[in-house]
PDB file of N, CA and C in Angstrom:
ATOM      1  N   MET A   1      -7.899  77.449 -11.952  1.00  0.00           N
ATOM      2  CA  MET A   1      -8.775  76.405 -12.405  1.00  0.00           C
ATOM      3  C   MET A   1      -9.121  75.513 -11.207  1.00  0.00           C
ATOM      4  N   HIS A   2     -10.389  75.214 -11.068  1.00  0.00           N
ATOM      5  CA  HIS A   2     -10.859  74.368  -9.964  1.00  0.00           C
ATOM      6  C   HIS A   2     -11.058  72.965 -10.476  1.00  0.00           C
ATOM      7  N   GLU A   3     -10.678  72.004  -9.644  1.00  0.00           N
ATOM      8  CA  GLU A   3     -10.923  70.607  -9.968  1.00  0.00           C
ATOM      9  C   GLU A   3     -12.312  70.210  -9.498  1.00  0.00           C
ATOM     10  N   GLN A   4     -12.936  69.388 -10.252  1.00  0.00           N
ATOM     11  CA  GLN A   4     -14.250  68.893  -9.868  1.00  0.00           C
ATOM     12  C   GLN A   4     -14.086  67.494  -9.300  1.00  0.00           C
ATOM     13  N   PHE A   5     -14.564  67.298  -8.094  1.00  0.00           N
ATOM     14  CA  PHE A   5     -14.484  65.986  -7.469  1.00  0.00           C
ATOM     15  C   PHE A   5     -15.854  65.325  -7.522  1.00  0.00           C
ATOM     16  N   ILE A   6     -15.856  64.051  -7.833  1.00  0.00           N
ATOM     17  CA  ILE A   6     -17.094  63.290  -7.856  1.00  0.00           C
ATOM     18  C   ILE A   6     -17.099  62.378  -6.635  1.00  0.00           C
ATOM     19  N   MET A   7     -18.110  62.518  -5.845  1.00  0.00           N
ATOM     20  CA  MET A   7     -18.234  61.704  -4.654  1.00  0.00           C
ATOM     21  C   MET A   7     -18.609  60.272  -5.051  1.00  0.00           C
ATOM     22  N   PRO A   8     -18.086  59.260  -4.363  1.00  0.00           N
ATOM     23  CA  PRO A   8     -18.396  57.868  -4.719  1.00  0.00           C
ATOM     24  C   PRO A   8     -19.896  57.578  -4.705  1.00  0.00           C
ATOM     25  N   ASN A   9     -20.649  58.206  -3.849  1.00  0.00           N
ATOM     26  CA  ASN A   9     -22.082  57.929  -3.768  1.00  0.00           C
ATOM     27  C   ASN A   9     -22.906  58.711  -4.779  1.00  0.00           C
ATOM     28  N   SER A  10     -22.257  59.464  -5.655  1.00  0.00           N
ATOM     29  CA  SER A  10     -22.995  60.260  -6.632  1.00  0.00           C
ATOM     30  C   SER A  10     -23.419  59.443  -7.855  1.00  0.00           C
ATOM     31  N   GLN A  11     -22.971  58.184  -7.947  1.00  0.00           N
ATOM     32  CA  GLN A  11     -23.366  57.323  -9.047  1.00  0.00           C
ATOM     33  C   GLN A  11     -24.844  56.980  -8.882  1.00  0.00           C
ATOM     34  N   PRO A  12     -25.569  56.906 -10.007  1.00  0.00           N
ATOM     35  CA  PRO A  12     -26.965  56.505  -9.900  1.00  0.00           C
ATOM     36  C   PRO A  12     -27.077  55.056  -9.410  1.00  0.00           C
ATOM     37  N   THR A  13     -28.020  54.818  -8.561  1.00  0.00           N
ATOM     38  CA  THR A  13     -28.221  53.469  -8.049  1.00  0.00           C
ATOM     39  C   THR A  13     -29.686  53.078  -8.108  1.00  0.00           C
ATOM     40  N   ILE A  14     -29.899  51.794  -8.137  1.00  0.00           N
ATOM     41  CA  ILE A  14     -31.249  51.229  -8.149  1.00  0.00           C
ATOM     42  C   ILE A  14     -31.457  50.620  -6.757  1.00  0.00           C
ATOM     43  N   PRO A  15     -32.565  50.915  -6.105  1.00  0.00           N
ATOM     44  CA  PRO A  15     -32.831  50.263  -4.820  1.00  0.00           C
ATOM     45  C   PRO A  15     -32.832  48.737  -4.977  1.00  0.00           C
ATOM     46  N   VAL A  16     -32.245  48.039  -4.037  1.00  0.00           N
ATOM     47  CA  VAL A  16     -32.135  46.578  -4.095  1.00  0.00           C
ATOM     48  C   VAL A  16     -33.520  45.952  -4.208  1.00  0.00           C
ATOM     49  N   SER A  17     -34.488  46.494  -3.461  1.00  0.00           N
ATOM     50  CA  SER A  17     -35.841  45.931  -3.522  1.00  0.00           C
ATOM     51  C   SER A  17     -36.434  46.065  -4.930  1.00  0.00           C
ATOM     52  N   THR A  18     -36.069  47.122  -5.642  1.00  0.00           N
ATOM     53  CA  THR A  18     -36.553  47.320  -7.018  1.00  0.00           C
ATOM     54  C   THR A  18     -35.933  46.291  -7.943  1.00  0.00           C
ATOM     55  N   LYS A  19     -34.644  46.018  -7.771  1.00  0.00           N
ATOM     56  CA  LYS A  19     -33.977  44.994  -8.582  1.00  0.00           C
ATOM     57  C   LYS A  19     -34.622  43.634  -8.379  1.00  0.00           C
ATOM     58  N   ILE A  20     -34.892  43.306  -7.124  1.00  0.00           N
ATOM     59  CA  ILE A  20     -35.511  42.001  -6.796  1.00  0.00           C
ATOM     60  C   ILE A  20     -36.900  41.915  -7.410  1.00  0.00           C
ATOM     61  N   LYS A  21     -37.689  42.951  -7.206  1.00  0.00           N
ATOM     62  CA  LYS A  21     -39.064  42.962  -7.719  1.00  0.00           C
ATOM     63  C   LYS A  21     -39.074  42.876  -9.243  1.00  0.00           C
ATOM     64  N   TRP A  22     -38.142  43.600  -9.893  1.00  0.00           N
ATOM     65  CA  TRP A  22     -38.054  43.550 -11.350  1.00  0.00           C
ATOM     66  C   TRP A  22     -37.717  42.138 -11.813  1.00  0.00           C
ATOM     67  N   GLY A  23     -36.735  41.507 -11.170  1.00  0.00           N
ATOM     68  CA  GLY A  23     -36.358  40.156 -11.540  1.00  0.00           C
ATOM     69  C   GLY A  23     -37.487  39.148 -11.368  1.00  0.00           C
ATOM     70  N   GLN A  24     -38.207  39.242 -10.279  1.00  0.00           N
ATOM     71  CA  GLN A  24     -39.337  38.340 -10.024  1.00  0.00           C
ATOM     72  C   GLN A  24     -40.444  38.545 -11.063  1.00  0.00           C
ATOM     73  N   THR A  25     -40.702  39.801 -11.375  1.00  0.00           N
ATOM     74  CA  THR A  25     -41.758  40.108 -12.354  1.00  0.00           C
ATOM     75  C   THR A  25     -41.346  39.669 -13.738  1.00  0.00           C
ATOM     76  N   LYS A  26     -40.078  39.859 -14.082  1.00  0.00           N
ATOM     77  CA  LYS A  26     -39.574  39.466 -15.398  1.00  0.00           C
ATOM     78  C   LYS A  26     -39.652  37.954 -15.583  1.00  0.00           C
ATOM     79  N   LEU A  27     -39.457  37.197 -14.513  1.00  0.00           N
ATOM     80  CA  LEU A  27     -39.594  35.744 -14.587  1.00  0.00           C
ATOM     81  C   LEU A  27     -41.035  35.351 -14.918  1.00  0.00           C
ATOM     82  N   LYS A  28     -42.005  36.089 -14.371  1.00  0.00           N
ATOM     83  CA  LYS A  28     -43.421  35.791 -14.627  1.00  0.00           C
ATOM     84  C   LYS A  28     -43.853  36.244 -16.015  1.00  0.00           C
ATOM     85  N   TYR A  29     -43.266  37.356 -16.496  1.00  0.00           N
ATOM     86  CA  TYR A  29     -43.665  37.955 -17.775  1.00  0.00           C
ATOM     87  C   TYR A  29     -42.420  38.203 -18.630  1.00  0.00           C
ATOM     88  N   PRO A  30     -41.762  37.138 -19.094  1.00  0.00           N
ATOM     89  CA  PRO A  30     -40.480  37.319 -19.795  1.00  0.00           C
ATOM     90  C   PRO A  30     -40.578  38.047 -21.131  1.00  0.00           C
ATOM     91  N   ASP A  31     -41.755  38.043 -21.742  1.00  0.00           N
ATOM     92  CA  ASP A  31     -41.888  38.691 -23.042  1.00  0.00           C
ATOM     93  C   ASP A  31     -42.447  40.128 -22.945  1.00  0.00           C
ATOM     94  N   ALA A  32     -42.548  40.660 -21.733  1.00  0.00           N
ATOM     95  CA  ALA A  32     -43.082  42.007 -21.538  1.00  0.00           C
ATOM     96  C   ALA A  32     -41.977  42.968 -21.095  1.00  0.00           C
ATOM     97  N   VAL A  33     -42.192  44.237 -21.394  1.00  0.00           N
ATOM     98  CA  VAL A  33     -41.336  45.309 -20.870  1.00  0.00           C
ATOM     99  C   VAL A  33     -41.832  45.596 -19.451  1.00  0.00           C
ATOM    100  N   VAL A  34     -40.966  45.442 -18.473  1.00  0.00           N
ATOM    101  CA  VAL A  34     -41.345  45.560 -17.066  1.00  0.00           C
ATOM    102  C   VAL A  34     -40.852  46.885 -16.493  1.00  0.00           C
ATOM    103  N   LEU A  35     -41.756  47.612 -15.840  1.00  0.00           N
ATOM    104  CA  LEU A  35     -41.408  48.846 -15.148  1.00  0.00           C
ATOM    105  C   LEU A  35     -41.861  48.726 -13.703  1.00  0.00           C
ATOM    106  N   ILE A  36     -40.948  48.987 -12.771  1.00  0.00           N
ATOM    107  CA  ILE A  36     -41.222  48.860 -11.340  1.00  0.00           C
ATOM    108  C   ILE A  36     -41.209  50.245 -10.702  1.00  0.00           C
ATOM    109  N   LYS A  37     -42.261  50.564  -9.941  1.00  0.00           N
ATOM    110  CA  LYS A  37     -42.361  51.889  -9.324  1.00  0.00           C
ATOM    111  C   LYS A  37     -41.622  51.929  -7.994  1.00  0.00           C
ATOM    112  N   ASP A  38     -40.854  52.979  -7.826  1.00  0.00           N
ATOM    113  CA  ASP A  38     -40.192  53.256  -6.562  1.00  0.00           C
ATOM    114  C   ASP A  38     -40.316  54.758  -6.339  1.00  0.00           C
ATOM    115  N   ASN A  39     -41.074  55.130  -5.322  1.00  0.00           N
ATOM    116  CA  ASN A  39     -41.412  56.547  -5.074  1.00  0.00           C
ATOM    117  C   ASN A  39     -42.127  57.112  -6.286  1.00  0.00           C
ATOM    118  N   ASN A  40     -41.602  58.173  -6.885  1.00  0.00           N
ATOM    119  CA  ASN A  40     -42.294  58.806  -8.009  1.00  0.00           C
ATOM    120  C   ASN A  40     -41.626  58.472  -9.345  1.00  0.00           C
ATOM    121  N   MET A  41     -40.872  57.384  -9.382  1.00  0.00           N
ATOM    122  CA  MET A  41     -40.193  56.980 -10.600  1.00  0.00           C
ATOM    123  C   MET A  41     -40.472  55.509 -10.909  1.00  0.00           C
ATOM    124  N   TYR A  42     -40.475  55.181 -12.197  1.00  0.00           N
ATOM    125  CA  TYR A  42     -40.498  53.798 -12.630  1.00  0.00           C
ATOM    126  C   TYR A  42     -39.091  53.434 -13.114  1.00  0.00           C
ATOM    127  N   PHE A  43     -38.641  52.241 -12.733  1.00  0.00           N
ATOM    128  CA  PHE A  43     -37.346  51.731 -13.152  1.00  0.00           C
ATOM    129  C   PHE A  43     -37.556  50.555 -14.096  1.00  0.00           C
ATOM    130  N   SER A  44     -36.689  50.486 -15.095  1.00  0.00           N
ATOM    131  CA  SER A  44     -36.648  49.331 -15.968  1.00  0.00           C
ATOM    132  C   SER A  44     -35.188  48.939 -16.139  1.00  0.00           C
ATOM    133  N   LEU A  45     -34.907  47.638 -16.222  1.00  0.00           N
ATOM    134  CA  LEU A  45     -33.536  47.150 -16.243  1.00  0.00           C
ATOM    135  C   LEU A  45     -33.231  46.388 -17.517  1.00  0.00           C
ATOM    136  N   GLU A  46     -31.928  46.270 -17.765  1.00  0.00           N
ATOM    137  CA  GLU A  46     -31.365  45.431 -18.804  1.00  0.00           C
ATOM    138  C   GLU A  46     -32.028  45.657 -20.177  1.00  0.00           C
ATOM    139  N   ARG A  47     -32.483  44.586 -20.821  1.00  0.00           N
ATOM    140  CA  ARG A  47     -33.047  44.681 -22.187  1.00  0.00           C
ATOM    141  C   ARG A  47     -34.279  45.572 -22.215  1.00  0.00           C
ATOM    142  N   ASP A  48     -35.080  45.534 -21.169  1.00  0.00           N
ATOM    143  CA  ASP A  48     -36.268  46.408 -21.132  1.00  0.00           C
ATOM    144  C   ASP A  48     -35.872  47.879 -21.157  1.00  0.00           C
ATOM    145  N   ALA A  49     -34.810  48.214 -20.431  1.00  0.00           N
ATOM    146  CA  ALA A  49     -34.304  49.595 -20.456  1.00  0.00           C
ATOM    147  C   ALA A  49     -33.825  49.963 -21.852  1.00  0.00           C
ATOM    148  N   ASP A  50     -33.203  49.017 -22.551  1.00  0.00           N
ATOM    149  CA  ASP A  50     -32.761  49.255 -23.931  1.00  0.00           C
ATOM    150  C   ASP A  50     -33.935  49.517 -24.856  1.00  0.00           C
ATOM    151  N   ILE A  51     -35.016  48.769 -24.676  1.00  0.00           N
ATOM    152  CA  ILE A  51     -36.212  48.950 -25.504  1.00  0.00           C
ATOM    153  C   ILE A  51     -36.797  50.337 -25.289  1.00  0.00           C
ATOM    154  N   ILE A  52     -36.953  50.736 -24.032  1.00  0.00           N
ATOM    155  CA  ILE A  52     -37.519  52.055 -23.731  1.00  0.00           C
ATOM    156  C   ILE A  52     -36.592  53.152 -24.237  1.00  0.00           C
ATOM    157  N   SER A  53     -35.317  52.960 -24.053  1.00  0.00           N
ATOM    158  CA  SER A  53     -34.351  53.954 -24.516  1.00  0.00           C
ATOM    159  C   SER A  53     -34.427  54.116 -26.039  1.00  0.00           C
ATOM    160  N   GLY A  54     -34.512  53.007 -26.739  1.00  0.00           N
ATOM    161  CA  GLY A  54     -34.610  53.083 -28.199  1.00  0.00           C
ATOM    162  C   GLY A  54     -35.905  53.710 -28.684  1.00  0.00           C
ATOM    163  N   THR A  55     -36.981  53.475 -27.958  1.00  0.00           N
ATOM    164  CA  THR A  55     -38.291  54.002 -28.350  1.00  0.00           C
ATOM    165  C   THR A  55     -38.385  55.499 -28.092  1.00  0.00           C
ATOM    166  N   PHE A  56     -37.803  55.958 -26.973  1.00  0.00           N
ATOM    167  CA  PHE A  56     -37.955  57.358 -26.572  1.00  0.00           C
ATOM    168  C   PHE A  56     -36.682  58.193 -26.636  1.00  0.00           C
ATOM    169  N   GLY A  57     -35.554  57.559 -26.877  1.00  0.00           N
ATOM    170  CA  GLY A  57     -34.285  58.279 -26.957  1.00  0.00           C
ATOM    171  C   GLY A  57     -33.705  58.669 -25.614  1.00  0.00           C
ATOM    172  N   PHE A  58     -34.073  57.946 -24.553  1.00  0.00           N
ATOM    173  CA  PHE A  58     -33.518  58.219 -23.225  1.00  0.00           C
ATOM    174  C   PHE A  58     -32.131  57.625 -23.082  1.00  0.00           C
ATOM    175  N   ASN A  59     -31.344  58.194 -22.193  1.00  0.00           N
ATOM    176  CA  ASN A  59     -30.014  57.677 -21.919  1.00  0.00           C
ATOM    177  C   ASN A  59     -30.068  56.564 -20.876  1.00  0.00           C
ATOM    178  N   ILE A  60     -29.366  55.500 -21.152  1.00  0.00           N
ATOM    179  CA  ILE A  60     -29.233  54.375 -20.225  1.00  0.00           C
ATOM    180  C   ILE A  60     -28.225  54.749 -19.149  1.00  0.00           C
ATOM    181  N   LYS A  61     -28.502  54.341 -17.925  1.00  0.00           N
ATOM    182  CA  LYS A  61     -27.579  54.559 -16.805  1.00  0.00           C
ATOM    183  C   LYS A  61     -27.022  53.208 -16.384  1.00  0.00           C
ATOM    184  N   LYS A  62     -25.959  53.226 -15.598  1.00  0.00           N
ATOM    185  CA  LYS A  62     -25.353  51.998 -15.104  1.00  0.00           C
ATOM    186  C   LYS A  62     -25.302  52.015 -13.595  1.00  0.00           C
ATOM    187  N   ASP A  63     -25.618  50.871 -12.997  1.00  0.00           N
ATOM    188  CA  ASP A  63     -25.434  50.652 -11.564  1.00  0.00           C
ATOM    189  C   ASP A  63     -24.580  49.404 -11.471  1.00  0.00           C
ATOM    190  N   GLY A  64     -23.272  49.585 -11.455  1.00  0.00           N
ATOM    191  CA  GLY A  64     -22.347  48.454 -11.572  1.00  0.00           C
ATOM    192  C   GLY A  64     -22.524  47.851 -12.950  1.00  0.00           C
ATOM    193  N   PRO A  65     -22.737  46.535 -13.016  1.00  0.00           N
ATOM    194  CA  PRO A  65     -22.917  45.896 -14.328  1.00  0.00           C
ATOM    195  C   PRO A  65     -24.340  46.002 -14.878  1.00  0.00           C
ATOM    196  N   THR A  66     -25.257  46.510 -14.080  1.00  0.00           N
ATOM    197  CA  THR A  66     -26.671  46.549 -14.463  1.00  0.00           C
ATOM    198  C   THR A  66     -27.006  47.851 -15.180  1.00  0.00           C
ATOM    199  N   SER A  67     -27.533  47.730 -16.391  1.00  0.00           N
ATOM    200  CA  SER A  67     -28.008  48.923 -17.084  1.00  0.00           C
ATOM    201  C   SER A  67     -29.470  49.153 -16.690  1.00  0.00           C
ATOM    202  N   PHE A  68     -29.824  50.425 -16.530  1.00  0.00           N
ATOM    203  CA  PHE A  68     -31.183  50.719 -16.128  1.00  0.00           C
ATOM    204  C   PHE A  68     -31.632  52.072 -16.669  1.00  0.00           C
ATOM    205  N   LEU A  69     -32.913  52.284 -16.535  1.00  0.00           N
ATOM    206  CA  LEU A  69     -33.548  53.523 -16.972  1.00  0.00           C
ATOM    207  C   LEU A  69     -34.569  53.888 -15.924  1.00  0.00           C
ATOM    208  N   GLN A  70     -34.703  55.161 -15.626  1.00  0.00           N
ATOM    209  CA  GLN A  70     -35.778  55.583 -14.735  1.00  0.00           C
ATOM    210  C   GLN A  70     -36.570  56.685 -15.438  1.00  0.00           C
ATOM    211  N   VAL A  71     -37.893  56.581 -15.296  1.00  0.00           N
ATOM    212  CA  VAL A  71     -38.789  57.523 -15.948  1.00  0.00           C
ATOM    213  C   VAL A  71     -39.796  58.048 -14.930  1.00  0.00           C
ATOM    214  N   ASP A  72     -40.276  59.226 -15.173  1.00  0.00           N
ATOM    215  CA  ASP A  72     -41.257  59.867 -14.309  1.00  0.00           C
ATOM    216  C   ASP A  72     -42.549  59.071 -14.272  1.00  0.00           C
ATOM    217  N   ALA A  73     -43.044  58.791 -13.079  1.00  0.00           N
ATOM    218  CA  ALA A  73     -44.246  57.967 -12.916  1.00  0.00           C
ATOM    219  C   ALA A  73     -45.486  58.595 -13.536  1.00  0.00           C
ATOM    220  N   GLU A  74     -45.618  59.904 -13.462  1.00  0.00           N
ATOM    221  CA  GLU A  74     -46.812  60.554 -14.007  1.00  0.00           C
ATOM    222  C   GLU A  74     -46.884  60.435 -15.518  1.00  0.00           C
ATOM    223  N   LEU A  75     -45.744  60.481 -16.176  1.00  0.00           N
ATOM    224  CA  LEU A  75     -45.736  60.368 -17.629  1.00  0.00           C
ATOM    225  C   LEU A  75     -45.793  58.924 -18.115  1.00  0.00           C
ATOM    226  N   ALA A  76     -45.417  58.009 -17.261  1.00  0.00           N
ATOM    227  CA  ALA A  76     -45.323  56.605 -17.682  1.00  0.00           C
ATOM    228  C   ALA A  76     -46.643  56.070 -18.218  1.00  0.00           C
ATOM    229  N   HIS A  77     -47.702  56.232 -17.470  1.00  0.00           N
ATOM    230  CA  HIS A  77     -48.990  55.718 -17.904  1.00  0.00           C
ATOM    231  C   HIS A  77     -49.589  56.516 -19.035  1.00  0.00           C
ATOM    232  N   SER A  78     -49.478  57.814 -18.980  1.00  0.00           N
ATOM    233  CA  SER A  78     -50.154  58.658 -19.978  1.00  0.00           C
ATOM    234  C   SER A  78     -49.417  58.696 -21.313  1.00  0.00           C
ATOM    235  N   THR A  79     -48.105  58.576 -21.300  1.00  0.00           N
ATOM    236  CA  THR A  79     -47.355  58.743 -22.531  1.00  0.00           C
ATOM    237  C   THR A  79     -46.638  57.467 -22.963  1.00  0.00           C
ATOM    238  N   TYR A  80     -45.840  56.898 -22.078  1.00  0.00           N
ATOM    239  CA  TYR A  80     -44.964  55.784 -22.445  1.00  0.00           C
ATOM    240  C   TYR A  80     -45.739  54.519 -22.754  1.00  0.00           C
ATOM    241  N   LEU A  81     -46.756  54.236 -21.959  1.00  0.00           N
ATOM    242  CA  LEU A  81     -47.522  53.009 -22.151  1.00  0.00           C
ATOM    243  C   LEU A  81     -48.093  52.931 -23.572  1.00  0.00           C
ATOM    244  N   GLN A  82     -48.775  53.970 -23.993  1.00  0.00           N
ATOM    245  CA  GLN A  82     -49.409  53.972 -25.302  1.00  0.00           C
ATOM    246  C   GLN A  82     -48.385  53.772 -26.425  1.00  0.00           C
ATOM    247  N   LYS A  83     -47.275  54.477 -26.350  1.00  0.00           N
ATOM    248  CA  LYS A  83     -46.275  54.368 -27.412  1.00  0.00           C
ATOM    249  C   LYS A  83     -45.626  52.997 -27.448  1.00  0.00           C
ATOM    250  N   LEU A  84     -45.385  52.406 -26.299  1.00  0.00           N
ATOM    251  CA  LEU A  84     -44.791  51.064 -26.262  1.00  0.00           C
ATOM    252  C   LEU A  84     -45.760  50.015 -26.814  1.00  0.00           C
ATOM    253  N   VAL A  85     -47.036  50.138 -26.467  1.00  0.00           N
ATOM    254  CA  VAL A  85     -48.036  49.195 -26.982  1.00  0.00           C
ATOM    255  C   VAL A  85     -48.192  49.355 -28.491  1.00  0.00           C
ATOM    256  N   VAL A  86     -48.259  50.584 -28.962  1.00  0.00           N
ATOM    257  CA  VAL A  86     -48.366  50.840 -30.403  1.00  0.00           C
ATOM    258  C   VAL A  86     -47.151  50.279 -31.135  1.00  0.00           C
ATOM    259  N   ALA A  87     -45.984  50.339 -30.481  1.00  0.00           N
ATOM    260  CA  ALA A  87     -44.757  49.799 -31.086  1.00  0.00           C
ATOM    261  C   ALA A  87     -44.730  48.265 -31.049  1.00  0.00           C
ATOM    262  N   GLY A  88     -45.727  47.636 -30.414  1.00  0.00           N
ATOM    263  CA  GLY A  88     -45.847  46.194 -30.420  1.00  0.00           C
ATOM    264  C   GLY A  88     -45.356  45.477 -29.166  1.00  0.00           C
ATOM    265  N   TYR A  89     -45.090  46.221 -28.108  1.00  0.00           N
ATOM    266  CA  TYR A  89     -44.592  45.602 -26.878  1.00  0.00           C
ATOM    267  C   TYR A  89     -45.710  45.362 -25.884  1.00  0.00           C
ATOM    268  N   LYS A  90     -45.586  44.263 -25.147  1.00  0.00           N
ATOM    269  CA  LYS A  90     -46.420  44.035 -23.968  1.00  0.00           C
ATOM    270  C   LYS A  90     -45.735  44.791 -22.831  1.00  0.00           C
ATOM    271  N   VAL A  91     -46.518  45.405 -21.947  1.00  0.00           N
ATOM    272  CA  VAL A  91     -45.960  46.235 -20.884  1.00  0.00           C
ATOM    273  C   VAL A  91     -46.569  45.838 -19.544  1.00  0.00           C
ATOM    274  N   VAL A  92     -45.710  45.699 -18.522  1.00  0.00           N
ATOM    275  CA  VAL A  92     -46.159  45.403 -17.175  1.00  0.00           C
ATOM    276  C   VAL A  92     -45.673  46.516 -16.262  1.00  0.00           C
ATOM    277  N   PHE A  93     -46.631  47.174 -15.581  1.00  0.00           N
ATOM    278  CA  PHE A  93     -46.324  48.184 -14.568  1.00  0.00           C
ATOM    279  C   PHE A  93     -46.551  47.568 -13.200  1.00  0.00           C
ATOM    280  N   CYS A  94     -45.596  47.708 -12.278  1.00  0.00           N
ATOM    281  CA  CYS A  94     -45.749  47.242 -10.905  1.00  0.00           C
ATOM    282  C   CYS A  94     -45.647  48.416  -9.982  1.00  0.00           C
ATOM    283  N   ASP A  95     -46.744  48.695  -9.258  1.00  0.00           N
ATOM    284  CA  ASP A  95     -46.755  49.807  -8.315  1.00  0.00           C
ATOM    285  C   ASP A  95     -46.370  49.330  -6.938  1.00  0.00           C
TER     286      ASP A  95
END
């Protein structure tokens, strides 16, 4: 039987710049679901990640104490935006 080792850096992480940008945007639009683009993914944190997870059934990830969700950028505008708006949420995308 082989043991499986998990490397310390294998935990999912959110780029620090994405956390900062999300926080700044959330201050400006506190009642909106905020998604921040980093490369080809959109990240959403905390309560916003919970909303998206509940709407689409995605699994929440953790980066230390911060819960987050990442979604494919190509699907975000075409699929997620419409469903979130229909569900009654305001949505802010930051590219």
